[in-house]
Amino acid sequence: MKKIIIFLICLQIISPVFAQDKNFSAGQLENEIKQNIQKAYAASVRIINLDRAGQKIGSYFSGVVIDAEGHILTAGHAINPNSLYVVTFPDGREFKAKGLGVIHTIDAAMIVITDKGKWPVAKMGWSSLLEPNMPCLSISYPGSLTATKPTIRLGYIAELKYETGFMRTTCLMEPGDSGGPVFDLKGRVIGTHSRISFRTDVNLEVPVDNFRKYWTALTTPAIHTAFITEDKFKVDKKVEQVAPIQQMERLISSFETQDLAFRKDVFMVKDSMNASILSTLVDLKGLVPESNLKGKSFFVSKSSMIGSNPRVEMADGGMVSAKILSRDEANDLVLLQIPQEIEGGINLSTIKIDYTFDKLGSILISPKPHAEGELSVLGNMQVKIPKSAAAYLGVGISFMTEDHTIVASGLYPLVSQKTTKPNDIAVMDVLKKINNRPILTVEDVPDELSKYQTNDSVTFQYAKKSGALYTQSFILKRRSVRTSSQDDKFMDGVSLRRDDFKEVLVHDGQLKPSECGGPLLDTKGNFYGINIARLSRTSSLAIPAPMVVRFVKGIL
């Protein structure tokens, strides 16, 4: 009898998290996500090249520190052996590093910190012990954000071997994430970001066991090709495992009750051109005198998607003309009013959201009026989205890895601009300076543009293939730049207005541009903000709730 009891106790101790689907708890999953972030976040780093003069150049990518010696796992396509790099931790500390081994066939590489110091490290897991539907987290630096802190995305293991040995997950990835870590729910590295597909559920990762298999080669500064020596290693099968969760494929179904309850506060708005966007019904009791509210209802939505004659769709399908009370250009918000009362709404007078570190990883819901809501996790906070070089300047910016130059990758002139001169800026011209500021990284241009207002003039210095330098002045104008879906590498597309925000929340909800304007809430119904834009493949943006409250209070 004692042996049976001991056996059962042992089973309890070694039983994996979420071992049985019938015992699945969404609340427990959220707790596990947040615990994982506490362990893994600090070791997830941002990396950029250094030139011979010690200047940062090019574009940023990602990695993860895995030992006290400063070894960092990253992407093979981003690294050159013996090249110099700067590694930035989420706490802002920077260390110099150098490139080690590169194996392009598996897109794996290492760099090592060369400065002295102590830094947080993440443990390596075992990719050979993974199973489909195991939850996982990405903590890395997507290129569409200029954030100095990493962004978190939730997903699950979809396939252990998808193409040429890569692992497929549903953790959204884009350029800049390259080399960034994927963690299990114990905060252990199980892979690194490699490449993406047109489909958002195809995100290919380098299994972490590949780094063990080729440790000797990867710690030797060289590009390794044929006949690479393999190291022997033994999988630790006693390690605590995280079991698959079948609900990961349809996680929103675990929040059906909340989703249906939140749906009543979301309404579709159409303008005279029949373009549609979502809006959020808001309850203004406690903010303005109740006498001002009788016979009226109020909605907050995305201003740039609403024309001069908006109509709000009611629950019965009827359309009611709305009056525009005010627009907030900086935050792309609009306040609408209709001449009838609707019960409910987000009570803006009770908003007390404090955006602290422990909110990262919170499970969020973006409800829709006629369909299942979109599930996401809070990935980043207090992020600034600068003016886009394409949308304001009319010049796309790219980094050329071959010669470490920043070039014009696209031109988006104003509709009224019909004539060009022989020496005007052209695609593949090398960009040298903006307002006498040297252009060394892809972030230098949008950062400089954010110092100026629309209709201000800026100067650009650029070089032709001949080496001749030219300087041209540009007036900053709002351009509707429709980048191709192939460029964005996902099907839904991005919002036309998705930049020049002073502060936003970032989450990984896969919202279509027409699904912005609605509320972003946690599973307890706390209002986090208004979904304002689909920024990129990985990220949707929301205006934080306190800023929404300030906007409304300043009007009524």
Protein backbone atom coordinates (compact mmCIF):
# COMPACT_ATOMS: atom_id res chain seq x y z
CA MET A 1 0.00 0.00 0.00
CA LYS A 2 2.83 2.38 0.87
CA LYS A 3 4.45 1.70 -2.51
CA ILE A 4 1.19 2.63 -4.30
CA ILE A 5 0.89 5.86 -2.33
CA ILE A 6 4.53 6.77 -3.05
CA PHE A 7 3.99 5.97 -6.75
CA LEU A 8 0.93 8.24 -6.89
CA ILE A 9 2.80 11.05 -5.14
CA CYS A 10 5.64 10.73 -7.65
CA LEU A 11 3.15 10.90 -10.51
CA GLN A 12 1.75 14.12 -9.04
CA ILE A 13 5.22 15.65 -8.73
CA ILE A 14 6.36 14.85 -12.27
CA SER A 15 3.01 15.34 -14.01
CA PRO A 16 3.37 18.07 -16.63
CA VAL A 17 1.52 21.37 -16.59
CA PHE A 18 -1.99 21.13 -18.11
CA ALA A 19 -1.58 17.33 -18.37
CA GLN A 20 -5.25 16.72 -19.23
CA ASP A 21 -7.34 18.89 -21.48
CA LYS A 22 -10.47 18.32 -19.38
CA ASN A 23 -8.68 20.10 -16.52
CA PHE A 24 -7.59 23.01 -18.71
CA SER A 25 -7.83 26.36 -16.96
CA ALA A 26 -7.53 29.55 -18.99
CA GLY A 27 -6.67 31.41 -15.79
CA GLN A 28 -3.86 28.99 -15.07
CA LEU A 29 -2.57 29.43 -18.62
CA GLU A 30 -2.41 33.20 -18.12
CA ASN A 31 -0.52 32.72 -14.84
CA GLU A 32 1.94 30.38 -16.55
CA ILE A 33 2.48 32.93 -19.34
CA LYS A 34 3.30 35.66 -16.83
CA GLN A 35 5.64 33.42 -14.83
CA ASN A 36 7.46 32.53 -18.04
CA ILE A 37 7.88 36.22 -18.86
CA GLN A 38 9.43 36.84 -15.43
CA LYS A 39 12.08 34.19 -16.19
CA ALA A 40 12.75 34.81 -19.86
CA TYR A 41 12.19 38.49 -20.61
CA ALA A 42 15.42 39.93 -19.18
CA ALA A 43 17.68 37.66 -21.27
CA SER A 44 16.04 38.53 -24.62
CA VAL A 45 18.32 41.03 -26.36
CA ARG A 46 18.39 43.45 -29.28
CA ILE A 47 21.46 43.29 -31.57
CA ILE A 48 22.94 45.66 -34.16
CA ASN A 49 26.21 45.85 -36.12
CA LEU A 50 29.08 48.15 -35.20
CA ASP A 51 31.26 49.72 -37.89
CA ARG A 52 34.99 50.27 -37.54
CA ALA A 53 34.37 53.65 -35.95
CA GLY A 54 32.17 52.09 -33.27
CA GLN A 55 28.93 53.46 -34.77
CA LYS A 56 25.72 51.43 -34.80
CA ILE A 57 24.76 50.67 -38.39
CA GLY A 58 22.03 48.86 -40.28
CA SER A 59 18.93 47.31 -38.77
CA TYR A 60 18.31 45.56 -35.48
CA PHE A 61 17.68 41.86 -34.92
CA SER A 62 17.19 39.64 -31.87
CA GLY A 63 18.85 36.99 -29.73
CA VAL A 64 18.93 35.37 -26.30
CA VAL A 65 21.74 35.03 -23.75
CA ILE A 66 22.05 31.44 -22.51
CA ASP A 67 25.06 31.36 -20.17
CA ALA A 68 27.25 33.43 -17.84
CA GLU A 69 30.01 33.46 -20.48
CA GLY A 70 27.76 35.63 -22.66
CA HIS A 71 26.95 33.20 -25.49
CA ILE A 72 23.96 34.41 -27.48
CA LEU A 73 21.84 32.28 -29.81
CA THR A 74 20.68 34.11 -32.92
CA ALA A 75 19.98 33.76 -36.68
CA GLY A 76 22.58 32.63 -39.20
CA HIS A 77 21.34 35.08 -41.86
CA ALA A 78 22.03 38.03 -39.55
CA ILE A 79 25.62 37.28 -38.44
CA ASN A 80 29.16 37.41 -39.80
CA PRO A 81 32.03 35.71 -37.94
CA ASN A 82 34.30 38.15 -36.05
CA SER A 83 32.09 41.15 -36.88
CA LEU A 84 31.36 43.50 -33.99
CA TYR A 85 27.93 44.05 -32.46
CA VAL A 86 26.17 45.90 -29.67
CA VAL A 87 23.80 43.89 -27.49
CA THR A 88 21.09 45.82 -25.63
CA PHE A 89 19.18 44.26 -22.72
CA PRO A 90 15.60 45.23 -21.83
CA ASP A 91 16.92 47.20 -18.82
CA GLY A 92 18.88 49.44 -21.23
CA ARG A 93 22.37 48.10 -20.52
CA GLU A 94 24.60 47.70 -23.56
CA PHE A 95 27.55 45.34 -24.12
CA LYS A 96 29.85 44.79 -27.07
CA ALA A 97 29.94 41.37 -28.70
CA LYS A 98 31.61 39.58 -31.62
CA GLY A 99 30.33 37.10 -34.16
CA LEU A 100 31.19 33.42 -33.77
CA GLY A 101 30.07 30.48 -35.90
CA VAL A 102 27.41 30.54 -38.62
CA ILE A 103 25.62 27.58 -40.22
CA HIS A 104 23.39 28.89 -43.01
CA THR A 105 21.72 25.57 -43.80
CA ILE A 106 19.99 25.58 -40.41
CA ASP A 107 20.02 29.40 -40.02
CA ALA A 108 21.85 29.17 -36.70
CA ALA A 109 24.59 31.41 -35.34
CA MET A 110 26.19 32.55 -32.11
CA ILE A 111 27.78 35.71 -30.88
CA VAL A 112 29.50 36.23 -27.54
CA ILE A 113 29.63 39.26 -25.26
CA THR A 114 33.20 40.56 -25.04
CA ASP A 115 32.71 43.20 -22.35
CA LYS A 116 33.05 42.19 -18.72
CA GLY A 117 29.93 42.08 -16.60
CA LYS A 118 27.01 40.06 -15.34
CA TRP A 119 23.77 39.64 -17.22
CA PRO A 120 20.54 37.65 -17.03
CA VAL A 121 20.52 34.28 -18.79
CA ALA A 122 17.78 31.95 -20.02
CA LYS A 123 17.91 28.17 -19.73
CA MET A 124 17.93 26.01 -22.84
CA GLY A 125 15.07 23.56 -23.16
CA TRP A 126 14.93 20.39 -25.28
CA SER A 127 13.25 20.68 -28.67
CA SER A 128 13.32 16.89 -29.08
CA LEU A 129 10.84 16.60 -26.20
CA LEU A 130 8.31 19.00 -27.72
CA GLU A 131 4.89 17.97 -29.03
CA PRO A 132 2.31 19.72 -31.23
CA ASN A 133 -0.11 22.06 -29.41
CA MET A 134 2.36 22.87 -26.65
CA PRO A 135 1.98 26.59 -25.84
CA CYS A 136 5.00 28.81 -26.47
CA LEU A 137 6.00 32.48 -26.30
CA SER A 138 8.10 34.73 -28.50
CA ILE A 139 9.99 37.52 -26.71
CA SER A 140 11.89 39.51 -29.32
CA TYR A 141 12.12 42.78 -31.26
CA PRO A 142 9.89 43.06 -34.37
CA GLY A 143 11.27 45.47 -36.94
CA SER A 144 8.02 47.42 -37.33
CA LEU A 145 8.46 48.74 -33.77
CA THR A 146 11.24 51.02 -32.62
CA ALA A 147 10.72 49.83 -29.04
CA THR A 148 13.84 49.25 -26.98
CA LYS A 149 12.02 46.61 -24.94
CA PRO A 150 11.03 43.25 -26.45
CA THR A 151 7.51 42.43 -27.55
CA ILE A 152 5.68 39.28 -26.40
CA ARG A 153 3.53 37.02 -28.59
CA LEU A 154 1.66 33.83 -27.70
CA GLY A 155 1.39 30.73 -29.87
CA TYR A 156 1.81 26.97 -29.90
CA ILE A 157 3.91 24.29 -31.56
CA ALA A 158 2.20 23.49 -34.87
CA GLU A 159 4.69 21.08 -36.49
CA LEU A 160 7.97 19.69 -35.19
CA LYS A 161 9.44 19.36 -38.70
CA TYR A 162 7.98 21.61 -41.37
CA GLU A 163 10.68 22.38 -43.96
CA THR A 164 14.30 21.18 -43.93
CA GLY A 165 14.20 20.52 -40.22
CA PHE A 166 12.63 23.80 -39.11
CA MET A 167 9.92 23.83 -36.45
CA ARG A 168 6.65 25.63 -37.17
CA THR A 169 4.89 27.69 -34.50
CA THR A 170 2.02 30.18 -34.48
CA CYS A 171 4.04 32.84 -32.61
CA LEU A 172 3.87 35.75 -35.06
CA MET A 173 7.23 36.81 -36.48
CA GLU A 174 8.56 39.48 -38.86
CA PRO A 175 11.93 41.00 -39.88
CA GLY A 176 13.75 42.20 -36.76
CA ASP A 177 12.59 39.15 -34.82
CA SER A 178 15.28 37.11 -36.59
CA GLY A 179 17.26 35.12 -34.02
CA GLY A 180 14.80 35.97 -31.26
CA PRO A 181 13.94 33.26 -28.74
CA VAL A 182 10.85 31.10 -28.47
CA PHE A 183 10.18 29.86 -24.93
CA ASP A 184 8.09 27.12 -23.39
CA LEU A 185 5.91 27.85 -20.36
CA LYS A 186 8.81 27.17 -18.03
CA GLY A 187 10.88 30.03 -19.47
CA ARG A 188 13.23 27.72 -21.38
CA VAL A 189 14.49 28.45 -24.90
CA ILE A 190 13.07 25.88 -27.33
CA GLY A 191 13.95 27.60 -30.61
CA THR A 192 14.99 30.79 -32.40
CA HIS A 193 13.10 32.74 -35.06
CA SER A 194 14.22 32.11 -38.63
CA ARG A 195 11.74 32.90 -41.42
CA ILE A 196 8.09 33.41 -42.29
CA SER A 197 5.52 32.60 -44.96
CA PHE A 198 2.63 34.51 -46.49
CA ARG A 199 0.40 32.65 -44.00
CA THR A 200 0.50 34.03 -40.46
CA ASP A 201 0.45 30.53 -38.94
CA VAL A 202 3.74 29.66 -40.66
CA ASN A 203 6.57 30.95 -38.49
CA LEU A 204 9.68 28.80 -38.79
CA GLU A 205 12.03 28.29 -35.86
CA VAL A 206 15.48 26.73 -35.45
CA PRO A 207 15.01 23.92 -32.87
CA VAL A 208 17.22 24.59 -29.84
CA ASP A 209 18.76 21.10 -29.98
CA ASN A 210 20.51 22.17 -33.20
CA PHE A 211 22.60 24.56 -31.11
CA ARG A 212 23.63 21.65 -28.88
CA LYS A 213 24.31 19.42 -31.87
CA TYR A 214 26.66 21.96 -33.44
CA TRP A 215 27.93 23.73 -30.31
CA THR A 216 31.62 23.34 -31.20
CA ALA A 217 31.11 24.69 -34.72
CA LEU A 218 28.91 27.56 -33.59
CA THR A 219 31.43 28.70 -30.97
CA THR A 220 34.19 28.71 -33.63
CA PRO A 221 34.30 31.99 -35.67
CA ALA A 222 33.68 30.74 -39.22
CA ILE A 223 30.95 30.13 -41.77
CA HIS A 224 30.55 26.36 -41.65
CA THR A 225 29.36 24.48 -44.72
CA ALA A 226 29.96 20.79 -45.55
CA PHE A 227 31.17 18.10 -43.13
CA ILE A 228 30.30 19.98 -39.95
CA THR A 229 31.34 18.09 -36.84
CA GLU A 230 28.39 17.07 -34.70
CA ASP A 231 28.65 17.09 -30.90
CA LYS A 232 27.16 14.27 -28.90
CA PHE A 233 24.60 15.22 -26.28
CA LYS A 234 22.10 13.36 -24.14
CA VAL A 235 18.52 14.58 -23.84
CA ASP A 236 17.47 15.11 -20.24
CA LYS A 237 14.17 13.20 -20.28
CA LYS A 238 13.66 13.80 -16.55
CA VAL A 239 13.20 17.51 -17.07
CA GLU A 240 9.74 18.86 -16.23
CA GLN A 241 7.69 19.00 -19.38
CA VAL A 242 4.82 21.19 -20.51
CA ALA A 243 2.09 19.02 -21.99
CA PRO A 244 0.09 19.88 -25.12
CA ILE A 245 -3.16 21.82 -24.78
CA GLN A 246 -5.66 20.99 -27.49
CA GLN A 247 -7.52 24.26 -26.79
CA MET A 248 -4.55 26.28 -28.10
CA GLU A 249 -5.85 25.92 -31.68
CA ARG A 250 -9.15 27.59 -30.70
CA LEU A 251 -8.29 29.41 -27.49
CA ILE A 252 -10.98 32.05 -28.00
CA SER A 253 -13.62 29.34 -27.47
CA SER A 254 -12.49 29.10 -23.82
CA PHE A 255 -13.69 32.71 -23.39
CA GLU A 256 -17.03 32.44 -25.18
CA THR A 257 -18.99 33.88 -22.23
CA GLN A 258 -16.81 36.98 -22.01
CA ASP A 259 -16.71 37.42 -25.78
CA LEU A 260 -20.49 37.41 -26.07
CA ALA A 261 -20.83 39.85 -23.17
CA PHE A 262 -18.26 42.26 -24.64
CA ARG A 263 -19.84 42.11 -28.11
CA LYS A 264 -22.83 44.26 -27.08
CA ASP A 265 -20.56 47.32 -26.78
CA VAL A 266 -19.16 47.09 -30.34
CA PHE A 267 -20.95 48.63 -33.34
CA MET A 268 -20.09 48.95 -37.00
CA VAL A 269 -19.84 52.42 -38.53
CA LYS A 270 -20.15 53.15 -42.26
CA ASP A 271 -19.57 56.37 -44.15
CA SER A 272 -21.05 57.66 -47.41
CA MET A 273 -18.62 55.48 -49.39
CA ASN A 274 -19.82 52.40 -47.42
CA ALA A 275 -16.35 51.84 -45.95
CA SER A 276 -16.72 50.22 -42.55
CA ILE A 277 -14.88 50.39 -39.24
CA LEU A 278 -15.78 49.35 -35.70
CA SER A 279 -16.72 51.70 -32.88
CA THR A 280 -17.00 51.40 -29.12
CA LEU A 281 -20.15 52.34 -27.21
CA VAL A 282 -19.05 54.39 -24.18
CA ASP A 283 -20.96 55.20 -21.01
CA LEU A 284 -20.19 58.78 -19.93
CA LYS A 285 -22.02 58.76 -16.61
CA GLY A 286 -19.77 60.22 -13.97
CA LEU A 287 -17.83 62.25 -16.53
CA VAL A 288 -20.52 64.68 -17.67
CA PRO A 289 -23.87 65.82 -16.20
CA GLU A 290 -26.57 63.19 -16.78
CA SER A 291 -28.86 65.85 -18.23
CA ASN A 292 -26.46 66.03 -21.19
CA LEU A 293 -26.83 62.30 -21.83
CA LYS A 294 -30.58 61.87 -22.12
CA GLY A 295 -31.75 60.63 -25.49
CA LYS A 296 -28.18 60.20 -26.76
CA SER A 297 -25.52 57.53 -27.14
CA PHE A 298 -21.80 58.05 -27.71
CA PHE A 299 -19.17 56.06 -29.61
CA VAL A 300 -15.40 56.28 -29.89
CA SER A 301 -13.75 55.05 -33.09
CA LYS A 302 -10.81 55.49 -35.49
CA SER A 303 -11.00 58.98 -36.98
CA SER A 304 -9.09 58.47 -40.23
CA MET A 305 -11.54 55.76 -41.31
CA ILE A 306 -14.68 57.85 -40.75
CA GLY A 307 -15.88 60.43 -43.29
CA SER A 308 -18.15 63.42 -42.77
CA ASN A 309 -21.45 61.48 -42.81
CA PRO A 310 -21.08 58.40 -40.59
CA ARG A 311 -23.91 55.97 -39.84
CA VAL A 312 -23.95 53.53 -36.94
CA GLU A 313 -25.42 50.07 -37.48
CA MET A 314 -27.88 49.05 -34.76
CA ALA A 315 -28.40 45.53 -33.38
CA ASP A 316 -31.46 45.06 -35.64
CA GLY A 317 -29.44 45.99 -38.74
CA GLY A 318 -30.87 49.50 -39.09
CA MET A 319 -28.58 52.47 -39.68
CA VAL A 320 -28.63 55.67 -37.61
CA SER A 321 -26.89 58.86 -38.73
CA ALA A 322 -24.22 60.03 -36.28
CA LYS A 323 -22.94 63.48 -35.44
CA ILE A 324 -19.17 64.01 -35.22
CA LEU A 325 -18.48 65.81 -31.92
CA SER A 326 -14.68 65.94 -32.14
CA ARG A 327 -11.59 64.41 -33.72
CA ASP A 328 -8.21 63.83 -32.08
CA GLU A 329 -5.62 63.93 -34.88
CA ALA A 330 -2.71 62.87 -32.66
CA ASN A 331 -4.39 59.67 -31.49
CA ASP A 332 -6.63 59.13 -34.54
CA LEU A 333 -9.75 59.10 -32.33
CA VAL A 334 -13.23 60.40 -33.08
CA LEU A 335 -16.25 60.86 -30.80
CA LEU A 336 -19.67 60.22 -32.36
CA GLN A 337 -23.18 60.87 -31.04
CA ILE A 338 -26.53 59.42 -32.13
CA PRO A 339 -29.98 60.71 -31.09
CA GLN A 340 -31.12 57.63 -29.16
CA GLU A 341 -30.14 55.87 -25.95
CA ILE A 342 -28.57 52.41 -25.97
CA GLU A 343 -28.07 50.49 -22.74
CA GLY A 344 -24.57 49.49 -21.65
CA GLY A 345 -21.28 50.81 -22.91
CA ILE A 346 -17.75 50.98 -21.49
CA ASN A 347 -17.97 53.09 -18.33
CA LEU A 348 -15.10 55.52 -18.79
CA SER A 349 -15.46 57.04 -15.31
CA THR A 350 -14.22 53.81 -13.65
CA ILE A 351 -11.03 53.33 -15.65
CA LYS A 352 -8.11 52.55 -13.31
CA ILE A 353 -5.73 50.55 -15.49
CA ASP A 354 -2.12 50.81 -14.28
CA TYR A 355 0.16 49.60 -17.07
CA THR A 356 2.89 47.90 -15.04
CA PHE A 357 5.27 45.09 -15.99
CA ASP A 358 3.02 42.42 -14.50
CA LYS A 359 0.33 43.30 -17.06
CA LEU A 360 2.53 41.94 -19.87
CA GLY A 361 1.18 38.61 -21.06
CA SER A 362 -2.39 39.41 -19.97
CA ILE A 363 -4.89 37.63 -22.19
CA LEU A 364 -6.96 40.20 -24.10
CA ILE A 365 -10.10 40.09 -26.25
CA SER A 366 -10.98 42.38 -29.15
CA PRO A 367 -14.75 41.79 -29.61
CA LYS A 368 -16.53 42.14 -32.95
CA PRO A 369 -20.25 42.85 -33.49
CA HIS A 370 -21.04 39.97 -35.87
CA ALA A 371 -18.31 37.42 -35.29
CA GLU A 372 -16.09 35.73 -32.77
CA GLY A 373 -13.63 38.11 -31.13
CA GLU A 374 -9.86 38.15 -31.58
CA LEU A 375 -7.71 36.78 -28.77
CA SER A 376 -4.25 38.21 -28.02
CA VAL A 377 -1.77 38.91 -25.26
CA LEU A 378 -0.46 42.31 -24.15
CA GLY A 379 3.00 42.38 -25.71
CA ASN A 380 4.37 45.85 -25.02
CA MET A 381 3.40 49.16 -23.40
CA GLN A 382 4.22 52.87 -23.64
CA VAL A 383 5.54 52.41 -27.17
CA LYS A 384 6.05 55.38 -29.49
CA ILE A 385 5.34 54.88 -33.20
CA PRO A 386 7.28 57.56 -35.12
CA LYS A 387 6.33 59.11 -38.44
CA SER A 388 6.81 56.65 -41.28
CA ALA A 389 9.39 57.73 -43.83
CA ALA A 390 7.15 56.35 -46.58
CA ALA A 391 3.93 57.94 -45.34
CA TYR A 392 5.33 61.43 -44.62
CA LEU A 393 8.50 61.75 -46.66
CA GLY A 394 7.49 59.50 -49.54
CA VAL A 395 10.71 57.43 -49.38
CA GLY A 396 10.96 53.80 -48.32
CA ILE A 397 14.10 52.90 -46.33
CA SER A 398 16.08 49.62 -46.42
CA PHE A 399 19.45 48.35 -45.17
CA MET A 400 21.72 46.57 -47.64
CA THR A 401 23.67 43.87 -45.82
CA GLU A 402 26.17 43.49 -48.69
CA ASP A 403 27.75 46.93 -48.35
CA HIS A 404 26.18 48.20 -45.10
CA THR A 405 24.38 51.11 -46.76
CA ILE A 406 20.93 52.59 -46.18
CA VAL A 407 19.09 52.99 -49.48
CA ALA A 408 15.80 54.29 -50.86
CA SER A 409 13.76 51.12 -51.41
CA GLY A 410 10.59 52.80 -52.70
CA LEU A 411 9.18 56.18 -53.76
CA TYR A 412 5.64 57.36 -52.96
CA PRO A 413 5.16 60.85 -54.46
CA LEU A 414 2.13 63.00 -53.81
CA VAL A 415 -0.68 62.73 -56.36
CA SER A 416 -0.11 66.37 -57.37
CA GLN A 417 3.63 65.80 -57.87
CA LYS A 418 3.91 64.93 -61.57
CA THR A 419 7.29 66.21 -62.71
CA THR A 420 10.71 64.87 -61.82
CA LYS A 421 14.24 66.10 -62.43
CA PRO A 422 17.16 63.94 -63.63
CA ASN A 423 18.96 64.08 -60.30
CA ASP A 424 15.90 63.59 -58.06
CA ILE A 425 16.17 60.85 -55.50
CA ALA A 426 15.58 57.39 -56.99
CA VAL A 427 15.24 53.81 -55.80
CA MET A 428 18.61 52.35 -54.67
CA ASP A 429 20.16 55.77 -54.11
CA VAL A 430 22.27 55.66 -50.93
CA LEU A 431 20.85 57.86 -48.17
CA LYS A 432 23.52 59.89 -46.41
CA LYS A 433 21.94 62.55 -44.20
CA ILE A 434 18.60 63.96 -43.13
CA ASN A 435 18.82 67.54 -41.85
CA ASN A 436 22.62 67.05 -41.55
CA ARG A 437 22.08 64.03 -39.30
CA PRO A 438 24.04 61.01 -40.63
CA ILE A 439 21.78 58.09 -41.58
CA LEU A 440 23.42 55.03 -40.07
CA THR A 441 20.43 52.88 -39.11
CA VAL A 442 16.96 52.38 -40.58
CA GLU A 443 15.54 54.04 -37.45
CA ASP A 444 17.42 57.32 -37.88
CA VAL A 445 15.03 58.67 -40.52
CA PRO A 446 11.67 58.09 -38.75
CA ASP A 447 13.24 59.26 -35.49
CA GLU A 448 14.29 62.55 -37.11
CA LEU A 449 10.94 62.99 -38.86
CA SER A 450 9.09 62.74 -35.53
CA LYS A 451 10.66 66.06 -34.51
CA TYR A 452 8.70 67.87 -37.24
CA GLN A 453 5.10 68.64 -38.03
CA THR A 454 3.14 68.10 -41.23
CA ASN A 455 3.99 70.79 -43.82
CA ASP A 456 7.46 71.30 -42.32
CA SER A 457 10.43 71.07 -44.70
CA VAL A 458 13.30 68.61 -44.26
CA THR A 459 16.46 68.10 -46.32
CA PHE A 460 17.84 64.84 -47.62
CA GLN A 461 21.37 64.15 -48.82
CA TYR A 462 21.75 61.12 -51.09
CA ALA A 463 24.32 59.60 -53.42
CA LYS A 464 23.87 58.25 -56.94
CA LYS A 465 25.68 55.18 -58.28
CA SER A 466 28.31 57.52 -59.68
CA GLY A 467 29.08 58.70 -56.15
CA ALA A 468 27.76 62.22 -56.84
CA LEU A 469 26.04 63.77 -53.82
CA TYR A 470 22.77 65.70 -54.06
CA THR A 471 20.60 67.49 -51.52
CA GLN A 472 16.85 67.85 -51.91
CA SER A 473 14.14 69.45 -49.74
CA PHE A 474 10.87 67.68 -49.00
CA ILE A 475 7.61 68.93 -47.49
CA LEU A 476 6.18 66.43 -45.01
CA LYS A 477 2.76 65.47 -46.30
CA ARG A 478 0.42 62.64 -45.31
CA ARG A 479 0.53 59.99 -48.02
CA SER A 480 -1.76 56.98 -48.26
CA VAL A 481 0.90 54.37 -48.87
CA ARG A 482 -0.56 51.00 -49.75
CA THR A 483 2.29 48.55 -49.41
CA SER A 484 1.72 45.25 -51.17
CA SER A 485 0.60 42.23 -49.17
CA GLN A 486 3.75 40.47 -50.35
CA ASP A 487 5.87 43.19 -48.76
CA ASP A 488 3.95 42.91 -45.51
CA LYS A 489 4.02 39.12 -45.81
CA PHE A 490 0.55 38.45 -44.47
CA MET A 491 -2.90 38.37 -45.99
CA ASP A 492 -4.94 40.85 -43.93
CA GLY A 493 -2.88 43.95 -44.72
CA VAL A 494 -2.08 46.98 -42.57
CA SER A 495 -4.04 50.09 -41.64
CA LEU A 496 -3.46 53.17 -43.79
CA ARG A 497 -2.93 55.29 -40.67
CA ARG A 498 -0.65 53.28 -38.41
CA ASP A 499 2.11 55.66 -37.36
CA ASP A 500 2.87 58.95 -35.56
CA PHE A 501 1.45 57.86 -32.19
CA LYS A 502 3.02 59.20 -28.99
CA GLU A 503 1.99 56.18 -26.92
CA VAL A 504 0.28 52.89 -27.72
CA LEU A 505 -0.24 49.42 -26.33
CA VAL A 506 0.94 46.56 -28.55
CA HIS A 507 -0.76 43.16 -28.75
CA ASP A 508 -0.64 40.23 -31.17
CA GLY A 509 -4.31 40.21 -32.18
CA GLN A 510 -4.63 39.56 -35.89
CA LEU A 511 -7.08 42.38 -36.58
CA LYS A 512 -8.02 43.37 -40.08
CA PRO A 513 -7.77 47.14 -40.70
CA SER A 514 -11.59 47.33 -40.78
CA GLU A 515 -11.74 45.69 -37.33
CA CYS A 516 -10.06 48.60 -35.55
CA GLY A 517 -12.06 51.15 -33.55
CA GLY A 518 -13.42 48.56 -31.13
CA PRO A 519 -12.43 48.03 -27.48
CA LEU A 520 -9.54 46.00 -26.11
CA LEU A 521 -10.44 44.26 -22.84
CA ASP A 522 -8.96 41.65 -20.55
CA THR A 523 -10.90 38.52 -19.65
CA LYS A 524 -12.32 40.20 -16.52
CA GLY A 525 -13.80 43.01 -18.59
CA ASN A 526 -11.22 45.68 -17.72
CA PHE A 527 -10.98 48.22 -20.55
CA TYR A 528 -7.40 48.52 -21.83
CA GLY A 529 -7.98 50.85 -24.75
CA ILE A 530 -9.28 51.40 -28.29
CA ASN A 531 -7.80 49.29 -31.09
CA ILE A 532 -6.44 51.93 -33.44
CA ALA A 533 -4.36 50.19 -36.14
CA ARG A 534 -2.97 46.99 -37.54
CA LEU A 535 0.69 47.95 -37.66
CA SER A 536 2.30 44.86 -39.14
CA ARG A 537 2.29 41.10 -39.38
CA THR A 538 2.97 40.76 -35.65
CA SER A 539 1.33 43.74 -34.03
CA SER A 540 -1.95 45.57 -33.53
CA LEU A 541 -1.97 48.90 -31.71
CA ALA A 542 -4.35 50.35 -29.12
CA ILE A 543 -4.69 53.84 -27.66
CA PRO A 544 -4.47 53.32 -23.85
CA ALA A 545 -7.69 53.74 -21.87
CA PRO A 546 -6.53 56.83 -19.87
CA MET A 547 -5.83 58.69 -23.13
CA VAL A 548 -9.31 57.81 -24.39
CA VAL A 549 -10.81 59.20 -21.18
CA ARG A 550 -8.81 62.44 -21.51
CA PHE A 551 -10.00 62.85 -25.09
CA VAL A 552 -13.68 62.48 -24.16
CA LYS A 553 -13.44 64.65 -21.02
CA GLY A 554 -11.87 67.45 -23.05
CA ILE A 555 -14.98 67.67 -25.23
CA LEU A 556 -18.04 67.24 -23.02
